[in-house]
Amino acid sequence: IPSADTMHVGDVARFQIPAAQLSGRSPSEIRWSLDYFSMAAVIDSLSGVVTAVAVGGTDVIATDPLLTSPCPHVWKAIVIVR
């Protein structure tokens, strides 16, 4: 949440995974990152707090690295920075 968002340079937003999609995982098990670090910055990889730093777009990615399936579970949100 949000699954897609528009931010302005300097804005700060906290991204979250909907409780229904956590499927018994603790939010503290999720790690947050970005596709393009030049557009935004993850302030804290545990909290999902992101700040917009330049005009463009990026995906905010939440990953559960502790999941023991063949690949970790991943959630993505598209962010457009204006």
Protein backbone atom coordinates (compact mmCIF):
# COMPACT_ATOMS: atom_id res chain seq x y z
CA ILE A 1 0.00 0.00 0.00
CA PRO A 2 0.00 2.10 -2.03
CA SER A 3 0.34 -0.16 -5.06
CA ALA A 4 1.04 2.87 -7.24
CA ASP A 5 1.82 6.38 -6.16
CA THR A 6 2.86 9.77 -7.42
CA MET A 7 5.34 11.65 -5.29
CA HIS A 8 7.07 15.01 -5.63
CA VAL A 9 10.79 15.54 -5.08
CA GLY A 10 11.28 15.76 -1.31
CA ASP A 11 8.12 13.82 -0.41
CA VAL A 12 8.38 10.98 2.08
CA ALA A 13 5.98 8.01 2.05
CA ARG A 14 5.69 4.80 4.06
CA PHE A 15 4.87 1.71 2.05
CA GLN A 16 3.17 -1.30 3.61
CA ILE A 17 2.02 -4.73 2.55
CA PRO A 18 -1.72 -5.28 3.13
CA ALA A 19 -2.26 -7.44 6.21
CA ALA A 20 -4.24 -9.97 4.16
CA GLN A 21 -1.17 -10.57 1.96
CA LEU A 22 1.29 -11.05 4.81
CA SER A 23 -0.01 -14.63 5.30
CA GLY A 24 1.35 -15.01 8.82
CA ARG A 25 4.59 -13.14 8.13
CA SER A 26 5.67 -10.41 10.48
CA PRO A 27 6.22 -6.97 8.88
CA SER A 28 9.70 -7.09 10.46
CA GLU A 29 10.57 -9.98 8.10
CA ILE A 30 10.09 -7.77 5.02
CA ARG A 31 12.98 -5.88 3.41
CA TRP A 32 12.39 -2.82 1.20
CA SER A 33 14.44 -1.72 -1.81
CA LEU A 34 14.15 0.14 -5.14
CA ASP A 35 14.77 -0.63 -8.80
CA TYR A 36 16.28 2.81 -9.51
CA PHE A 37 18.10 4.53 -6.66
CA SER A 38 18.51 7.78 -8.59
CA MET A 39 14.76 8.55 -8.37
CA ALA A 40 14.11 7.70 -4.72
CA ALA A 41 15.81 6.42 -1.59
CA VAL A 42 14.75 3.85 0.97
CA ILE A 43 15.37 5.56 4.29
CA ASP A 44 15.07 2.32 6.25
CA SER A 45 14.93 -1.13 4.62
CA LEU A 46 12.87 -2.46 7.55
CA SER A 47 10.16 0.23 7.66
CA GLY A 48 9.33 0.86 3.99
CA VAL A 49 9.91 4.61 4.30
CA VAL A 50 10.88 6.09 0.93
CA THR A 51 11.84 9.63 -0.04
CA ALA A 52 11.59 10.99 -3.60
CA VAL A 53 14.88 12.53 -4.79
CA ALA A 54 14.60 13.12 -8.56
CA VAL A 55 12.01 13.23 -11.35
CA GLY A 56 11.36 9.83 -12.94
CA GLY A 57 9.97 6.48 -11.93
CA THR A 58 10.96 3.44 -9.91
CA ASP A 59 9.51 0.32 -8.37
CA VAL A 60 9.40 0.07 -4.60
CA ILE A 61 10.07 -3.59 -3.85
CA ALA A 62 9.21 -5.54 -0.72
CA THR A 63 10.84 -8.94 -0.38
CA ASP A 64 10.48 -11.67 2.22
CA PRO A 65 14.02 -13.10 2.23
CA LEU A 66 13.14 -15.62 4.95
CA LEU A 67 10.61 -17.51 2.86
CA THR A 68 11.92 -21.03 2.23
CA SER A 69 10.24 -21.56 -1.12
CA PRO A 70 12.40 -21.76 -4.28
CA CYS A 71 12.27 -17.98 -4.57
CA PRO A 72 11.43 -15.21 -2.10
CA HIS A 73 7.99 -13.62 -2.20
CA VAL A 74 8.12 -10.16 -3.79
CA TRP A 75 5.64 -7.26 -3.85
CA LYS A 76 6.09 -4.18 -6.09
CA ALA A 77 4.62 -0.69 -6.17
CA ILE A 78 5.23 1.75 -9.02
CA VAL A 79 6.26 5.24 -7.96
CA ILE A 80 6.33 8.23 -10.31
CA VAL A 81 8.33 11.20 -9.02
CA ARG A 82 7.34 14.60 -10.40
